[in-house]
Amino acid sequence: MMHEDEMLDVDQVLRFENGIDEVEESLMSSGFQQFLLWPSDDYITIEWVQDMMFILEKASQKTLPTEFCHVVQTFVVFKLIDAACNVLCKEPNCVEINCLGEDSKVIVVGDIHGQFHDLMFLLKHAGMPSENQFYIFNGNYVDEGAWGIEVFLVLLAWKVLMPHRVYLLRGNHESRYCTAQYGFKKEVQTKYGNQSEDVYNKFLECFKELPLASVIANRVYTTHGGLFRSIHAAASPSEKPKWKMTPRMDLGSLVDLSQVKRTCIDSPHEGPNILLSDILWSKPSNRDGLRVNAGRKLGLWCGPDCTEAFLKQHNLKLIIRSHEGPDARAGRDDFGDMLNGYSIDHDGESGKLYTLFSAPDYPQFGGKTYNNEGAYAILKSPDFATPSFQSFKSAERPMVYPYIDFDADDMDSSKLDSSQIDTEASTSTFSAPQDASRPEFDFESLGIYNAPSWSVQLPDGSGGSQVVQVPRAPLVEGLPLPANIEEPHAGAYKYLFELVAGLKHMIATRETENSAHVSALRSKARKRKGRGHS
């Protein structure tokens, strides 16, 4: 207890510096005390990007998700997205990448799905973007994993720093509907609280600016999903001849691609802009022809003859697309299982079509993981048409709760109309699922008969006491354990680490609530005092 005039004035805790409201380090409930400042001259440097990666990587290990808004404040997010959109909006639907230098090398990356630590490993292992090293990212930066914000912000920073060396394409998950279903919206709500609606909408604005495809050195075509129908084949159902139940669907060209309006935030089911759905959702097939994916209701099945025709028409040698990981290939014997991160799906006279997936040990959350490797493709001068693939295993990452509450594979894609989607933030703080089970361990096997429990007896405020269950923390320090710690000791360590993390989380939450309560009482006291003076 402090005397009234000695109490910290919360109004003075926030200060304005370099255009950013900085939270005093004394209010940070964790030990991590670094945060990202926007450059005062609005000019991003390589040192700033490197500092950003370091801060985000450390924060993911030492900071609760609810404190992320102090590490990267809303002001910084908005400035970075604005700077990136200013670059992205000037790029065509299909960017042409001229990398004909003698020592030029292009790294193509597939789906990342919020697996920030794997992205950091990839960048360090393959080498950072540079004058001679280009990067093409095929989309799906967010959803499924816990660090979609970190992934996308880092890539935007590289894009702003090196706009002609780093290219970010759009994936099907860069949409309002997918991010509402697969976790990214909830991630934003968790990390930005009552500011989350503005932050989420800002990300959506940026998604709409992302290009859809690339052509590398006039030899290689990359995109997220696959090939697409022609503009005239995209007529609405009312314009299709009624006498023909299955009208012929012609393959689209790069000219058709250039006419797509990519500013739709969700993939349409019909109309001339349905090509956007094709580009983001289509998949290769072993059956010749171009036909609608009746199961998914979005995208097309594209046969080997379509790949051959597209390569031949545009004098290309290679297609590298993404969109499918080991989960999509499970049970399909006609294509590679993607367990090493890539697959040759079509191999014709004019060239090949590869599928590339860069999220190892996917998915991060869910009942079944595939223990798969991720991969990236390396294209080198002079012709760039003979790729090599580097597979890699999952990097160590902190333990966090998922942002997905259901099986997203049960989604009804016919509800992609954005008017049916609730865009309001439902919560300002993260809460674990109510039925989340607490870890159990048989301490008696170690000779311990009075082990700590997840129940704590606390005062109830009326002179009595109450038993309170310790909540599970969204971040657990000390996990995962080193491989050399074996059972039963590994189970005991895990139990204790999770219990300690839960207690710290409960204390931090209560301190935050108490501080808010004190602030509210002081505010009322000031108002009463003001009325007394008047």
Protein backbone atom coordinates (compact mmCIF):
# COMPACT_ATOMS: atom_id res chain seq x y z
CA MET A 1 0.00 0.00 0.00
CA MET A 2 1.23 3.46 -0.89
CA HIS A 3 0.01 6.88 0.13
CA GLU A 4 -2.31 8.43 -2.47
CA ASP A 5 0.18 11.09 -3.55
CA GLU A 6 2.95 8.47 -3.88
CA MET A 7 0.98 6.20 -6.22
CA LEU A 8 2.23 5.86 -9.76
CA ASP A 9 0.28 8.14 -12.10
CA VAL A 10 -0.76 5.78 -14.87
CA ASP A 11 -1.35 8.73 -17.19
CA GLN A 12 2.40 9.37 -17.04
CA VAL A 13 3.39 5.78 -17.76
CA LEU A 14 2.83 6.27 -21.49
CA ARG A 15 5.10 8.66 -23.31
CA PHE A 16 5.22 9.71 -26.93
CA GLU A 17 8.54 9.21 -28.70
CA ASN A 18 9.29 8.85 -32.43
CA GLY A 19 5.56 8.85 -33.04
CA ILE A 20 4.99 5.70 -30.96
CA ASP A 21 3.26 5.23 -27.60
CA GLU A 22 5.87 3.22 -25.71
CA VAL A 23 4.90 1.18 -22.69
CA GLU A 24 7.28 1.56 -19.79
CA GLU A 25 9.37 -1.51 -19.13
CA SER A 26 8.03 -1.57 -15.56
CA LEU A 27 4.61 -2.55 -16.89
CA MET A 28 5.92 -5.54 -18.83
CA SER A 29 4.88 -8.56 -16.77
CA SER A 30 7.48 -10.81 -18.40
CA GLY A 31 11.24 -10.46 -18.28
CA PHE A 32 11.44 -9.56 -21.94
CA GLN A 33 11.98 -5.81 -22.24
CA GLN A 34 12.62 -5.14 -25.92
CA PHE A 35 10.22 -3.66 -28.40
CA LEU A 36 10.36 -2.57 -32.01
CA LEU A 37 10.55 1.13 -32.88
CA TRP A 38 9.62 2.44 -36.29
CA PRO A 39 12.54 4.31 -37.94
CA SER A 40 12.22 8.04 -37.25
CA ASP A 41 13.01 8.84 -40.90
CA ASP A 42 10.59 6.17 -42.24
CA TYR A 43 13.54 4.45 -43.92
CA ILE A 44 14.00 0.72 -43.32
CA THR A 45 17.59 -0.54 -43.22
CA ILE A 46 19.08 -4.02 -43.15
CA GLU A 47 20.01 -3.42 -39.50
CA TRP A 48 16.36 -2.63 -38.68
CA VAL A 49 15.13 -5.82 -40.35
CA GLN A 50 17.76 -7.90 -38.54
CA ASP A 51 16.81 -6.31 -35.21
CA MET A 52 13.16 -7.04 -35.97
CA MET A 53 13.83 -10.72 -36.57
CA PHE A 54 15.88 -10.96 -33.38
CA ILE A 55 13.24 -9.20 -31.26
CA LEU A 56 10.37 -11.28 -32.64
CA GLU A 57 12.24 -14.53 -32.17
CA LYS A 58 13.09 -13.69 -28.56
CA ALA A 59 9.62 -12.38 -27.85
CA SER A 60 8.07 -15.64 -29.06
CA GLN A 61 10.06 -17.45 -26.38
CA LYS A 62 9.79 -14.99 -23.50
CA THR A 63 6.54 -13.06 -23.97
CA LEU A 64 2.93 -14.04 -23.55
CA PRO A 65 0.84 -13.64 -26.72
CA THR A 66 -1.29 -11.03 -24.95
CA GLU A 67 1.84 -8.89 -24.49
CA PHE A 68 2.82 -8.94 -28.17
CA CYS A 69 1.10 -5.58 -28.71
CA HIS A 70 3.81 -4.02 -26.52
CA VAL A 71 6.61 -5.61 -28.56
CA VAL A 72 5.23 -4.53 -31.95
CA GLN A 73 2.75 -1.75 -31.38
CA THR A 74 -0.16 -0.97 -33.67
CA PHE A 75 1.57 2.13 -34.98
CA VAL A 76 4.51 0.05 -36.22
CA VAL A 77 2.21 -2.54 -37.83
CA PHE A 78 0.31 0.16 -39.71
CA LYS A 79 3.46 1.96 -40.88
CA LEU A 80 5.03 -1.27 -42.15
CA ILE A 81 1.87 -2.41 -43.95
CA ASP A 82 1.43 1.02 -45.55
CA ALA A 83 5.02 0.97 -46.76
CA ALA A 84 4.62 -2.55 -48.17
CA CYS A 85 1.28 -1.82 -49.83
CA ASN A 86 2.84 1.18 -51.53
CA VAL A 87 5.21 -1.27 -53.23
CA LEU A 88 2.81 -4.18 -53.78
CA CYS A 89 0.06 -2.12 -55.40
CA LYS A 90 2.41 -1.18 -58.24
CA GLU A 91 3.21 -4.79 -59.10
CA PRO A 92 1.20 -6.60 -61.80
CA ASN A 93 -0.75 -9.80 -61.17
CA CYS A 94 2.18 -11.77 -62.58
CA VAL A 95 5.55 -10.27 -61.66
CA GLU A 96 8.44 -10.80 -64.05
CA ILE A 97 11.70 -11.47 -62.27
CA ASN A 98 14.80 -10.67 -64.27
CA CYS A 99 17.69 -12.44 -62.59
CA LEU A 100 20.04 -13.18 -65.46
CA GLY A 101 23.24 -12.30 -63.62
CA GLU A 102 25.98 -14.89 -63.75
CA ASP A 103 25.82 -15.56 -59.99
CA SER A 104 22.07 -15.13 -59.58
CA LYS A 105 20.11 -17.60 -57.49
CA VAL A 106 16.39 -17.79 -56.75
CA ILE A 107 14.88 -19.42 -53.65
CA VAL A 108 11.24 -20.46 -53.98
CA VAL A 109 9.31 -21.05 -50.74
CA GLY A 110 5.95 -22.78 -50.31
CA ASP A 111 3.32 -22.64 -47.55
CA ILE A 112 4.60 -21.40 -44.17
CA HIS A 113 1.34 -21.31 -42.18
CA GLY A 114 2.49 -19.23 -39.23
CA GLN A 115 5.49 -21.43 -38.43
CA PHE A 116 7.78 -18.51 -37.66
CA HIS A 117 10.70 -20.47 -36.24
CA ASP A 118 10.85 -22.65 -39.35
CA LEU A 119 10.92 -19.50 -41.49
CA MET A 120 13.83 -18.17 -39.42
CA PHE A 121 15.69 -21.44 -39.92
CA LEU A 122 15.01 -21.36 -43.66
CA LEU A 123 16.32 -17.81 -44.05
CA LYS A 124 19.47 -18.61 -42.08
CA HIS A 125 20.03 -21.92 -43.83
CA ALA A 126 19.38 -20.75 -47.39
CA GLY A 127 20.89 -17.31 -46.85
CA MET A 128 19.24 -13.92 -46.49
CA PRO A 129 18.02 -12.01 -49.55
CA SER A 130 20.84 -10.14 -51.25
CA GLU A 131 21.83 -8.54 -54.53
CA ASN A 132 22.36 -11.95 -56.12
CA GLN A 133 19.83 -13.98 -54.12
CA PHE A 134 16.14 -13.59 -54.93
CA TYR A 135 13.21 -14.96 -52.92
CA ILE A 136 9.76 -15.96 -54.20
CA PHE A 137 7.15 -16.86 -51.57
CA ASN A 138 4.12 -18.74 -52.91
CA GLY A 139 1.64 -17.62 -50.25
CA ASN A 140 -0.17 -19.07 -47.21
CA TYR A 141 1.83 -17.11 -44.64
CA VAL A 142 -0.85 -17.27 -41.93
CA ASP A 143 -3.36 -19.65 -40.31
CA GLU A 144 -2.82 -23.05 -38.68
CA GLY A 145 0.37 -21.95 -36.85
CA ALA A 146 0.69 -19.60 -33.86
CA TRP A 147 2.94 -16.93 -35.35
CA GLY A 148 1.26 -15.77 -38.56
CA ILE A 149 1.67 -12.12 -37.60
CA GLU A 150 5.41 -12.54 -37.06
CA VAL A 151 5.83 -14.42 -40.35
CA PHE A 152 3.98 -11.87 -42.42
CA LEU A 153 5.54 -8.79 -40.79
CA VAL A 154 9.08 -10.10 -41.31
CA LEU A 155 8.39 -10.84 -44.98
CA LEU A 156 6.81 -7.41 -45.46
CA ALA A 157 9.92 -5.83 -43.96
CA TRP A 158 12.15 -7.68 -46.43
CA LYS A 159 9.81 -6.66 -49.25
CA VAL A 160 10.07 -2.99 -48.33
CA LEU A 161 13.84 -3.23 -47.92
CA MET A 162 14.49 -5.15 -51.15
CA PRO A 163 11.41 -4.78 -53.40
CA HIS A 164 13.19 -6.19 -56.47
CA ARG A 165 14.72 -9.15 -54.66
CA VAL A 166 11.82 -10.37 -52.49
CA TYR A 167 8.43 -11.23 -54.02
CA LEU A 168 5.36 -12.16 -51.99
CA LEU A 169 2.53 -13.95 -53.79
CA ARG A 170 -0.95 -14.50 -52.43
CA GLY A 171 -2.24 -17.85 -51.16
CA ASN A 172 -5.79 -19.02 -50.59
CA HIS A 173 -5.40 -18.40 -46.85
CA GLU A 174 -4.78 -14.71 -47.43
CA SER A 175 -8.53 -14.11 -47.33
CA ARG A 176 -11.17 -13.00 -44.84
CA TYR A 177 -12.95 -16.34 -44.73
CA CYS A 178 -9.94 -18.60 -44.27
CA THR A 179 -8.36 -16.37 -41.62
CA ALA A 180 -11.65 -16.37 -39.69
CA GLN A 181 -11.81 -20.17 -39.83
CA TYR A 182 -8.20 -21.32 -39.52
CA GLY A 183 -6.91 -19.17 -36.64
CA PHE A 184 -5.28 -15.96 -37.91
CA LYS A 185 -8.19 -13.73 -36.87
CA LYS A 186 -8.13 -15.20 -33.38
CA GLU A 187 -4.35 -14.76 -33.28
CA VAL A 188 -4.78 -11.04 -34.03
CA GLN A 189 -7.50 -10.76 -31.37
CA THR A 190 -5.22 -12.43 -28.83
CA LYS A 191 -2.17 -10.30 -29.57
CA TYR A 192 -3.88 -6.92 -30.07
CA GLY A 193 -6.92 -7.05 -27.80
CA ASN A 194 -9.26 -4.09 -28.19
CA GLN A 195 -7.22 -2.84 -31.17
CA SER A 196 -7.52 -6.14 -33.00
CA GLU A 197 -10.37 -5.19 -35.34
CA ASP A 198 -8.34 -2.34 -36.86
CA VAL A 199 -5.20 -4.47 -37.05
CA TYR A 200 -7.05 -7.40 -38.63
CA ASN A 201 -8.67 -5.20 -41.28
CA LYS A 202 -5.27 -3.66 -42.02
CA PHE A 203 -3.86 -7.12 -42.75
CA LEU A 204 -6.82 -7.87 -45.02
CA GLU A 205 -6.14 -4.69 -46.97
CA CYS A 206 -2.57 -5.84 -47.50
CA PHE A 207 -3.63 -9.34 -48.59
CA LYS A 208 -5.61 -7.80 -51.46
CA GLU A 209 -2.47 -6.14 -52.83
CA LEU A 210 -0.39 -9.32 -53.12
CA PRO A 211 0.44 -10.46 -56.69
CA LEU A 212 -0.82 -13.84 -57.88
CA ALA A 213 2.07 -15.37 -59.84
CA SER A 214 5.62 -14.87 -61.04
CA VAL A 215 7.72 -15.70 -64.09
CA ILE A 216 11.41 -16.22 -63.32
CA ALA A 217 13.94 -15.48 -66.06
CA ASN A 218 11.32 -16.27 -68.73
CA ARG A 219 11.66 -19.95 -67.78
CA VAL A 220 9.79 -20.74 -64.56
CA TYR A 221 6.21 -19.98 -63.54
CA THR A 222 5.27 -19.95 -59.83
CA THR A 223 1.90 -19.51 -58.17
CA HIS A 224 0.06 -20.73 -55.11
CA GLY A 225 -2.68 -23.00 -56.43
CA GLY A 226 -2.41 -23.81 -60.09
CA LEU A 227 -3.61 -23.15 -63.61
CA PHE A 228 -6.84 -21.39 -64.49
CA ARG A 229 -9.57 -21.14 -67.11
CA SER A 230 -9.69 -18.49 -69.81
CA ILE A 231 -11.61 -15.25 -69.33
CA HIS A 232 -14.31 -16.21 -71.85
CA ALA A 233 -14.75 -19.57 -70.12
CA ALA A 234 -15.59 -17.74 -66.90
CA ALA A 235 -19.06 -16.71 -68.09
CA SER A 236 -21.83 -16.80 -65.51
CA PRO A 237 -24.12 -19.86 -65.54
CA SER A 238 -26.89 -17.86 -67.22
CA GLU A 239 -24.64 -17.20 -70.19
CA LYS A 240 -23.63 -20.82 -70.68
CA PRO A 241 -25.50 -22.81 -73.34
CA LYS A 242 -28.36 -24.71 -71.71
CA TRP A 243 -28.16 -27.58 -74.19
CA LYS A 244 -24.70 -28.57 -73.04
CA MET A 245 -24.49 -29.84 -69.49
CA THR A 246 -20.68 -29.67 -69.34
CA PRO A 247 -19.43 -26.83 -71.52
CA ARG A 248 -15.86 -26.94 -72.72
CA MET A 249 -13.46 -25.11 -70.41
CA ASP A 250 -10.49 -23.55 -72.17
CA LEU A 251 -7.14 -23.08 -70.46
CA GLY A 252 -6.27 -19.50 -69.51
CA SER A 253 -3.16 -17.59 -70.56
CA LEU A 254 -0.90 -14.99 -68.96
CA VAL A 255 -2.95 -12.36 -70.78
CA ASP A 256 -6.06 -13.63 -68.98
CA LEU A 257 -4.14 -13.58 -65.71
CA SER A 258 -3.24 -9.93 -66.19
CA GLN A 259 -6.95 -9.01 -66.27
CA VAL A 260 -7.90 -10.59 -62.94
CA LYS A 261 -9.10 -8.15 -60.28
CA ARG A 262 -7.14 -9.35 -57.31
CA THR A 263 -8.66 -6.83 -54.88
CA CYS A 264 -11.42 -9.32 -53.90
CA ILE A 265 -10.72 -10.37 -50.34
CA ASP A 266 -12.57 -13.69 -50.77
CA SER A 267 -12.55 -16.08 -53.72
CA PRO A 268 -15.71 -15.78 -55.88
CA HIS A 269 -17.71 -18.81 -57.01
CA GLU A 270 -18.76 -17.39 -60.36
CA GLY A 271 -18.42 -14.47 -62.71
CA PRO A 272 -15.46 -13.22 -64.75
CA ASN A 273 -13.28 -12.91 -61.64
CA ILE A 274 -13.60 -16.60 -60.82
CA LEU A 275 -10.07 -16.89 -62.21
CA LEU A 276 -8.91 -15.61 -58.82
CA SER A 277 -10.39 -18.75 -57.22
CA ASP A 278 -8.71 -20.93 -59.86
CA ILE A 279 -5.30 -19.40 -59.26
CA LEU A 280 -5.50 -19.75 -55.47
CA TRP A 281 -7.31 -23.11 -55.15
CA SER A 282 -6.58 -25.30 -58.21
CA LYS A 283 -4.78 -28.65 -57.97
CA PRO A 284 -3.00 -30.97 -60.41
CA SER A 285 -4.67 -34.16 -61.58
CA ASN A 286 -3.50 -37.25 -63.46
CA ARG A 287 -6.59 -37.09 -65.63
CA ASP A 288 -6.35 -34.92 -68.74
CA GLY A 289 -8.50 -31.84 -69.05
CA LEU A 290 -9.61 -28.86 -67.00
CA ARG A 291 -12.60 -29.45 -64.76
CA VAL A 292 -14.25 -27.96 -61.68
CA ASN A 293 -13.31 -29.31 -58.26
CA ALA A 294 -16.81 -30.37 -57.26
CA GLY A 295 -15.73 -31.47 -53.78
CA ARG A 296 -14.11 -28.23 -52.67
CA LYS A 297 -16.39 -26.04 -54.84
CA LEU A 298 -13.42 -23.78 -55.51
CA GLY A 299 -10.62 -24.13 -58.04
CA LEU A 300 -10.05 -26.64 -60.81
CA TRP A 301 -8.46 -30.00 -61.42
CA CYS A 302 -5.72 -29.52 -64.03
CA GLY A 303 -4.48 -32.49 -66.02
CA PRO A 304 -0.99 -33.15 -67.45
CA ASP A 305 -2.17 -31.96 -70.86
CA CYS A 306 -2.99 -28.56 -69.34
CA THR A 307 0.51 -28.25 -67.86
CA GLU A 308 2.03 -29.22 -71.20
CA ALA A 309 -0.12 -26.72 -73.11
CA PHE A 310 0.60 -23.86 -70.68
CA LEU A 311 4.37 -24.44 -70.73
CA LYS A 312 4.43 -24.74 -74.50
CA GLN A 313 2.23 -21.68 -75.09
CA HIS A 314 4.47 -19.43 -72.98
CA ASN A 315 7.81 -21.07 -73.78
CA LEU A 316 8.32 -22.06 -70.16
CA LYS A 317 10.11 -25.09 -68.71
CA LEU A 318 8.83 -25.37 -65.18
CA ILE A 319 5.86 -24.71 -62.88
CA ILE A 320 6.34 -24.56 -59.11
CA ARG A 321 3.10 -24.32 -57.16
CA SER A 322 2.23 -24.93 -53.50
CA HIS A 323 -1.14 -25.22 -51.70
CA GLU A 324 -0.91 -28.94 -50.80
CA GLY A 325 0.89 -30.47 -47.85
CA PRO A 326 1.00 -34.04 -46.54
CA ASP A 327 -2.56 -33.77 -45.23
CA ALA A 328 -3.92 -33.04 -48.71
CA ARG A 329 -2.00 -35.97 -50.19
CA ALA A 330 -2.89 -38.52 -47.51
CA GLY A 331 -4.65 -41.46 -49.11
CA ARG A 332 -3.81 -40.38 -52.66
CA ASP A 333 -1.61 -42.90 -54.41
CA ASP A 334 -1.51 -41.00 -57.70
CA PHE A 335 0.83 -38.27 -56.39
CA GLY A 336 3.75 -37.89 -54.01
CA ASP A 337 2.97 -37.85 -50.27
CA MET A 338 4.81 -34.52 -49.67
CA LEU A 339 6.59 -35.96 -46.62
CA ASN A 340 9.90 -34.54 -47.86
CA GLY A 341 8.34 -31.18 -48.76
CA TYR A 342 7.99 -31.49 -52.53
CA SER A 343 6.64 -33.68 -55.30
CA ILE A 344 6.93 -34.01 -59.11
CA ASP A 345 3.30 -34.09 -60.21
CA HIS A 346 3.53 -33.67 -64.01
CA ASP A 347 6.49 -34.53 -66.23
CA GLY A 348 5.90 -33.85 -69.92
CA GLU A 349 7.73 -33.08 -73.11
CA SER A 350 7.89 -29.33 -72.47
CA GLY A 351 8.68 -29.44 -68.77
CA LYS A 352 7.58 -30.34 -65.24
CA LEU A 353 5.14 -29.26 -62.54
CA TYR A 354 6.28 -29.42 -58.91
CA THR A 355 4.37 -28.95 -55.66
CA LEU A 356 6.37 -27.29 -52.88
CA PHE A 357 5.47 -27.11 -49.17
CA SER A 358 7.66 -25.36 -46.59
CA ALA A 359 5.94 -26.07 -43.24
CA PRO A 360 7.63 -29.06 -41.54
CA ASP A 361 5.91 -31.15 -38.86
CA TYR A 362 2.55 -29.93 -40.18
CA PRO A 363 0.07 -29.03 -38.86
CA GLN A 364 1.34 -27.34 -35.75
CA PHE A 365 -2.02 -27.93 -34.04
CA GLY A 366 -4.49 -30.76 -34.43
CA GLY A 367 -4.93 -34.41 -33.60
CA LYS A 368 -2.66 -35.73 -36.34
CA THR A 369 0.74 -34.47 -37.42
CA TYR A 370 2.63 -35.97 -40.34
CA ASN A 371 6.20 -35.60 -39.10
CA ASN A 372 6.96 -34.24 -42.55
CA GLU A 373 9.91 -32.17 -43.68
CA GLY A 374 9.53 -28.78 -45.29
CA ALA A 375 11.45 -27.85 -48.43
CA TYR A 376 12.52 -24.92 -50.56
CA ALA A 377 13.58 -24.89 -54.20
CA ILE A 378 16.86 -23.45 -55.50
CA LEU A 379 17.05 -22.16 -59.08
CA LYS A 380 20.43 -21.15 -60.45
CA SER A 381 21.77 -19.37 -63.49
CA PRO A 382 21.96 -19.76 -66.42
CA ASP A 383 18.64 -21.41 -67.34
CA PHE A 384 16.95 -21.71 -63.89
CA ALA A 385 14.89 -24.65 -65.19
CA THR A 386 16.67 -27.43 -63.27
CA PRO A 387 15.70 -26.97 -59.62
CA SER A 388 17.34 -28.54 -56.62
CA PHE A 389 15.31 -29.04 -53.45
CA GLN A 390 16.51 -28.69 -49.89
CA SER A 391 14.39 -30.49 -47.29
CA PHE A 392 14.58 -29.51 -43.63
CA LYS A 393 13.11 -30.64 -40.33
CA SER A 394 11.09 -28.58 -37.89
CA ALA A 395 12.91 -26.06 -35.71
CA GLU A 396 12.36 -25.97 -31.97
CA ARG A 397 9.44 -23.75 -31.03
CA PRO A 398 7.73 -22.74 -27.77
CA MET A 399 4.60 -24.53 -26.61
CA VAL A 400 1.45 -22.45 -27.12
CA TYR A 401 -2.27 -23.01 -27.28
CA PRO A 402 -3.90 -23.30 -30.71
CA TYR A 403 -6.02 -20.52 -32.16
CA ILE A 404 -8.33 -23.03 -33.88
CA ASP A 405 -11.34 -24.39 -32.02
CA PHE A 406 -12.63 -26.94 -34.55
CA ASP A 407 -11.75 -29.11 -37.50
CA ALA A 408 -11.33 -26.54 -40.25
CA ASP A 409 -11.57 -29.22 -42.92
CA ASP A 410 -15.32 -29.24 -42.24
CA MET A 411 -15.65 -25.70 -43.59
CA ASP A 412 -18.40 -24.98 -46.09
CA SER A 413 -16.69 -23.10 -48.89
CA SER A 414 -20.07 -22.06 -50.30
CA LYS A 415 -20.25 -19.53 -47.46
CA LEU A 416 -17.35 -17.47 -48.74
CA ASP A 417 -19.61 -14.45 -49.14
CA SER A 418 -17.98 -11.96 -46.79
CA SER A 419 -21.38 -10.59 -45.77
CA GLN A 420 -21.95 -13.84 -43.86
CA ILE A 421 -18.77 -13.50 -41.83
CA ASP A 422 -18.64 -11.79 -38.46
CA THR A 423 -15.79 -9.29 -38.63
CA GLU A 424 -16.11 -8.05 -35.06
CA ALA A 425 -13.48 -9.04 -32.52
CA SER A 426 -15.11 -11.40 -30.07
CA THR A 427 -12.57 -11.11 -27.29
CA SER A 428 -9.73 -8.88 -26.25
CA THR A 429 -7.72 -11.50 -24.43
CA PHE A 430 -6.78 -15.09 -25.05
CA SER A 431 -8.51 -17.80 -23.11
CA ALA A 432 -7.77 -21.50 -23.25
CA PRO A 433 -10.54 -23.90 -24.22
CA GLN A 434 -12.76 -24.65 -21.24
CA ASP A 435 -12.21 -28.38 -21.57
CA ALA A 436 -8.43 -28.18 -21.81
CA SER A 437 -7.17 -31.01 -19.63
CA ARG A 438 -4.35 -30.39 -17.22
CA PRO A 439 -1.31 -32.65 -17.34
CA GLU A 440 -1.20 -35.65 -15.06
CA PHE A 441 1.78 -37.52 -13.71
CA ASP A 442 2.21 -40.40 -11.29
CA PHE A 443 4.67 -38.85 -8.82
CA GLU A 444 4.39 -41.91 -6.59
CA SER A 445 6.49 -43.78 -9.16
CA LEU A 446 9.31 -41.45 -8.08
CA GLY A 447 8.57 -41.91 -4.38
CA ILE A 448 6.84 -38.51 -4.06
CA TYR A 449 3.50 -38.71 -2.23
CA ASN A 450 2.73 -35.00 -1.68
CA ALA A 451 3.12 -33.64 -5.22
CA PRO A 452 1.77 -30.14 -6.02
CA SER A 453 -1.69 -30.02 -7.56
CA TRP A 454 -3.40 -27.64 -10.00
CA SER A 455 -5.73 -26.44 -7.22
CA VAL A 456 -4.90 -23.45 -5.06
CA GLN A 457 -6.73 -22.18 -1.96
CA LEU A 458 -7.20 -18.40 -2.04
CA PRO A 459 -9.14 -15.82 0.00
CA ASP A 460 -12.64 -15.23 -1.34
CA GLY A 461 -12.79 -11.56 -0.29
CA SER A 462 -15.34 -12.11 2.47
CA GLY A 463 -13.16 -13.63 5.18
CA GLY A 464 -13.37 -17.15 3.85
CA SER A 465 -11.44 -19.09 1.23
CA GLN A 466 -12.08 -20.75 -2.10
CA VAL A 467 -10.36 -23.40 -4.19
CA VAL A 468 -9.26 -22.06 -7.58
CA GLN A 469 -8.03 -24.15 -10.50
CA VAL A 470 -4.76 -22.89 -11.97
CA PRO A 471 -5.29 -22.12 -15.68
CA ARG A 472 -2.94 -23.48 -18.29
CA ALA A 473 -0.59 -20.82 -19.64
CA PRO A 474 -0.40 -20.01 -23.36
CA LEU A 475 3.42 -20.02 -23.13
CA VAL A 476 5.52 -22.52 -21.14
CA GLU A 477 9.14 -21.75 -20.43
CA GLY A 478 11.52 -24.71 -20.46
CA LEU A 479 9.64 -26.76 -23.07
CA PRO A 480 10.28 -28.67 -25.20
CA LEU A 481 12.66 -30.65 -23.03
CA PRO A 482 16.10 -31.75 -24.20
CA ALA A 483 16.04 -35.16 -25.86
CA ASN A 484 18.40 -36.66 -23.28
CA ILE A 485 15.82 -36.36 -20.47
CA GLU A 486 13.97 -39.66 -20.34
CA GLU A 487 10.83 -40.91 -18.65
CA PRO A 488 9.69 -40.86 -15.93
CA HIS A 489 11.68 -37.70 -15.19
CA ALA A 490 10.62 -36.05 -18.46
CA GLY A 491 6.96 -36.31 -17.46
CA ALA A 492 7.68 -34.83 -14.03
CA TYR A 493 9.62 -31.90 -15.51
CA LYS A 494 6.84 -31.21 -18.00
CA TYR A 495 4.19 -31.31 -15.26
CA LEU A 496 6.13 -28.89 -13.04
CA PHE A 497 7.08 -26.50 -15.85
CA GLU A 498 3.46 -26.27 -16.97
CA LEU A 499 2.25 -25.73 -13.40
CA VAL A 500 4.80 -22.95 -12.79
CA ALA A 501 3.83 -21.32 -16.08
CA GLY A 502 0.15 -21.54 -15.13
CA LEU A 503 0.80 -19.90 -11.76
CA LYS A 504 2.82 -17.09 -13.38
CA HIS A 505 0.07 -16.57 -15.93
CA MET A 506 -2.58 -16.43 -13.20
CA ILE A 507 -0.56 -13.91 -11.16
CA ALA A 508 0.13 -11.73 -14.21
CA THR A 509 -3.55 -11.79 -15.19
CA ARG A 510 -4.68 -10.84 -11.68
CA GLU A 511 -2.08 -8.06 -11.46
CA THR A 512 -3.34 -6.66 -14.75
CA GLU A 513 -6.94 -6.80 -13.53
CA ASN A 514 -5.98 -5.17 -10.21
CA SER A 515 -4.08 -2.40 -12.00
CA ALA A 516 -7.06 -1.72 -14.21
CA HIS A 517 -9.32 -1.62 -11.14
CA VAL A 518 -7.00 0.81 -9.32
CA SER A 519 -6.82 3.02 -12.40
CA ALA A 520 -10.61 3.09 -12.62
CA LEU A 521 -10.94 4.03 -8.94
CA ARG A 522 -8.34 6.79 -9.27
CA SER A 523 -10.08 8.13 -12.35
CA LYS A 524 -13.36 8.35 -10.44
CA ALA A 525 -11.55 10.04 -7.53
CA ARG A 526 -10.09 12.69 -9.88
CA LYS A 527 -13.52 13.39 -11.34
CA ARG A 528 -15.04 13.80 -7.87
CA LYS A 529 -12.14 16.04 -6.86
CA GLY A 530 -12.65 18.12 -10.02
CA ARG A 531 -16.33 18.55 -9.28
CA GLY A 532 -15.44 19.59 -5.73
CA HIS A 533 -13.08 22.35 -7.00
CA SER A 534 -15.67 23.60 -9.44
